[in-house]
Protein backbone atom coordinates (compact mmCIF):
# COMPACT_ATOMS: atom_id res chain seq x y z
CA MET A 1 12.81 24.03 -31.92
CA SER A 2 14.46 21.77 -29.29
CA GLU A 3 11.71 19.13 -29.30
CA ALA A 4 12.61 18.11 -32.93
CA PRO A 5 15.74 16.48 -32.30
CA ASP A 6 14.69 14.58 -29.48
CA ARG A 7 11.84 13.34 -31.58
CA ALA A 8 14.05 12.30 -34.37
CA ALA A 9 16.38 10.49 -32.10
CA GLY A 10 13.32 8.42 -31.04
CA LYS A 11 13.02 10.15 -27.41
CA PRO A 12 9.78 11.62 -26.16
CA ALA A 13 9.45 15.19 -26.13
CA ARG A 14 9.68 16.36 -22.26
CA GLY A 15 7.94 19.37 -21.17
CA LEU A 16 8.56 21.43 -18.05
CA ILE A 17 8.73 18.35 -15.81
CA LYS A 18 11.60 15.92 -16.56
CA GLY A 19 10.72 13.00 -14.36
CA PRO A 20 6.89 12.79 -14.29
CA GLN A 21 6.86 9.50 -12.15
CA ASP A 22 9.08 11.04 -9.44
CA PHE A 23 7.07 14.41 -9.74
CA TYR A 24 3.75 12.91 -9.26
CA GLY A 25 4.87 10.30 -6.82
CA GLY A 26 6.39 13.17 -4.75
CA LEU A 27 2.96 15.04 -5.08
CA ALA A 28 1.06 11.97 -3.65
CA LEU A 29 3.63 11.64 -0.90
CA MET A 30 2.72 15.47 0.22
CA ALA A 31 -0.83 14.77 -0.29
CA ILE A 32 -0.69 11.86 2.25
CA ALA A 33 1.30 13.86 4.57
CA LEU A 34 -1.04 16.93 4.54
CA PHE A 35 -3.95 14.34 5.31
CA ALA A 36 -2.02 13.04 8.48
CA LEU A 37 -1.41 16.60 9.49
CA TRP A 38 -5.06 17.34 9.17
CA ALA A 39 -6.04 13.95 11.07
CA SER A 40 -3.64 14.61 13.77
CA SER A 41 -4.71 18.23 14.22
CA ASP A 42 -6.93 17.74 17.12
CA LEU A 43 -4.29 15.64 19.06
CA GLN A 44 -2.54 16.99 21.85
CA GLY A 45 1.01 17.95 20.87
CA THR A 46 4.38 18.33 23.10
CA ARG A 47 4.41 20.55 26.17
CA GLY A 48 7.90 21.10 27.22
CA PHE A 49 9.83 17.91 27.39
CA SER A 50 6.80 15.60 27.28
CA PHE A 51 5.25 14.09 24.44
CA GLY A 52 1.73 14.15 23.66
CA PRO A 53 -0.18 11.88 21.51
CA GLY A 54 -0.18 13.89 18.55
CA THR A 55 3.58 14.80 18.52
CA ALA A 56 4.81 11.37 16.83
CA PRO A 57 1.95 11.51 14.17
CA ARG A 58 2.77 15.11 13.11
CA MET A 59 6.39 14.37 13.25
CA PHE A 60 6.28 11.66 10.80
CA ALA A 61 3.82 13.57 8.61
CA PHE A 62 6.38 16.55 8.37
CA LEU A 63 9.03 14.15 7.49
CA LEU A 64 6.81 12.51 4.73
CA LEU A 65 5.96 16.24 3.60
CA ALA A 66 9.66 17.00 3.24
CA LEU A 67 10.66 13.61 1.61
CA GLY A 68 7.92 14.24 -1.01
CA ALA A 69 8.93 17.63 -1.49
CA GLY A 70 12.36 16.15 -2.24
CA VAL A 71 11.10 13.48 -4.61
CA ALA A 72 8.75 15.82 -6.38
CA LEU A 73 11.83 18.40 -6.75
CA THR A 74 13.88 15.64 -8.19
CA GLY A 75 11.22 14.84 -10.64
CA PHE A 76 11.00 18.28 -11.72
CA LEU A 77 14.81 18.72 -12.15
CA ALA A 78 16.37 15.30 -13.28
CA GLU A 79 15.56 13.22 -16.20
CA GLY A 80 13.34 10.21 -15.10
CA PRO A 81 10.82 7.76 -16.52
CA PRO A 82 7.69 8.79 -17.95
CA LEU A 83 4.23 7.84 -16.22
CA GLN A 84 3.15 4.23 -16.68
CA ARG A 85 -0.28 3.12 -17.23
CA TYR A 86 -2.06 2.21 -14.17
CA GLY A 87 -3.37 -1.17 -13.81
CA ILE A 88 -6.68 -1.49 -11.64
CA ARG A 89 -6.81 -5.15 -11.56
CA GLY A 90 -4.45 -5.64 -8.27
CA PRO A 91 -6.10 -2.92 -6.01
CA VAL A 92 -9.52 -4.25 -7.02
CA PHE A 93 -8.81 -8.01 -6.12
CA VAL A 94 -6.72 -6.92 -2.87
CA THR A 95 -9.70 -4.87 -1.81
CA ALA A 96 -11.98 -7.64 -2.58
CA ALA A 97 -9.91 -9.82 -0.33
CA ILE A 98 -9.87 -7.50 2.62
CA LEU A 99 -13.78 -7.12 2.29
CA VAL A 100 -14.32 -10.75 2.01
CA PHE A 101 -12.28 -11.41 5.17
CA SER A 102 -14.04 -8.98 7.17
CA VAL A 103 -17.28 -10.56 6.26
CA ALA A 104 -16.19 -14.23 6.52
CA ILE A 105 -13.91 -14.29 9.45
CA ARG A 106 -16.49 -15.28 12.13
CA PRO A 107 -18.57 -17.60 10.25
CA LEU A 108 -15.90 -19.56 8.49
CA GLY A 109 -13.19 -19.23 10.88
CA LEU A 110 -9.33 -18.30 10.44
CA ILE A 111 -8.28 -21.23 8.40
CA VAL A 112 -10.87 -21.11 5.79
CA THR A 113 -10.87 -17.19 5.39
CA SER A 114 -7.37 -16.65 5.19
CA PHE A 115 -6.90 -19.53 2.57
CA ILE A 116 -10.05 -17.95 0.53
CA CYS A 117 -8.65 -14.31 0.68
CA PHE A 118 -5.21 -15.36 -0.29
CA MET A 119 -6.61 -16.82 -3.41
CA ILE A 120 -8.53 -13.75 -4.32
CA ALA A 121 -5.65 -11.62 -3.79
CA ALA A 122 -3.52 -13.61 -6.10
CA MET A 123 -5.97 -12.99 -8.85
CA GLY A 124 -4.80 -9.70 -8.73
CA SER A 125 -1.84 -10.30 -10.97
CA ASP A 126 -1.76 -11.79 -14.50
CA GLU A 127 1.42 -13.46 -13.66
CA THR A 128 -0.12 -15.86 -11.10
CA LYS A 129 0.99 -19.44 -11.13
CA TRP A 130 -1.72 -21.65 -9.63
CA LYS A 131 0.29 -24.37 -8.41
CA GLU A 132 2.96 -22.23 -6.41
CA THR A 133 -0.01 -20.04 -5.30
CA LEU A 134 -1.82 -22.98 -3.83
CA ILE A 135 1.34 -24.12 -2.02
CA VAL A 136 2.15 -20.93 -0.73
CA GLY A 137 -1.47 -20.28 0.23
CA ILE A 138 -1.28 -23.56 2.38
CA PHE A 139 1.64 -22.40 4.26
CA LEU A 140 0.46 -18.84 4.70
CA THR A 141 -2.76 -20.38 6.21
CA ILE A 142 -0.80 -22.60 8.55
CA GLY A 143 1.26 -19.57 9.53
CA CYS A 144 -1.79 -17.57 10.22
CA ALA A 145 -3.22 -20.48 12.15
CA LEU A 146 -0.21 -20.68 14.37
CA LEU A 147 0.47 -16.94 14.78
CA PHE A 148 -2.94 -15.38 15.64
CA PRO A 149 -4.56 -17.60 18.10
CA TYR A 150 -1.40 -19.25 19.55
CA ALA A 151 1.60 -16.93 19.39
CA LEU A 152 -0.28 -13.75 19.94
CA GLY A 153 -3.19 -15.01 21.80
CA LEU A 154 -5.97 -13.45 19.73
CA PRO A 155 -9.41 -15.16 20.34
CA LEU A 156 -10.11 -16.11 16.91
CA ASP A 157 -11.88 -19.25 15.80
CA LEU A 158 -9.94 -21.50 13.42
CA PHE A 159 -12.79 -23.63 11.99
CA PRO A 160 -16.29 -22.76 10.82
CA ARG A 161 -18.92 -22.60 13.10
CA VAL A 162 -20.81 -25.75 11.88
CA LEU A 163 -17.60 -27.94 12.46
CA ARG A 164 -17.38 -26.89 16.20
């Protein structure tokens, strides 16, 4: 009976979960934390006052688990926004850019590959303005060309193999 006044007022009827976006987001954080705990389970932990290689991953996983539980509890108890429609376009183009980078970095070099991958990733949004994207892509490519081989000293070819 309490749902009828909400619908008459133009508000969507809410069930047991008052803030679905927070609730399911908290569950996702908890799932990531549980995966991290499982993945770090074979690493050596602390012994006395010395830290092992598994100490930090497990510590951060437990903190993420507690944070996720807090966010999920907030979504369960407090009013929040409903779940929104999930767009697949962005993740598809960003994943495609990563895959293209992994295949093209050796034959095409850093400059060509980073610019192409930036343009592929930019197609993930329907709000992309191509003039601005080209300008930003050029400056990010210059930044990558200066950062990775020169500032960080990584052995990356800047240009395609045919130009060398």
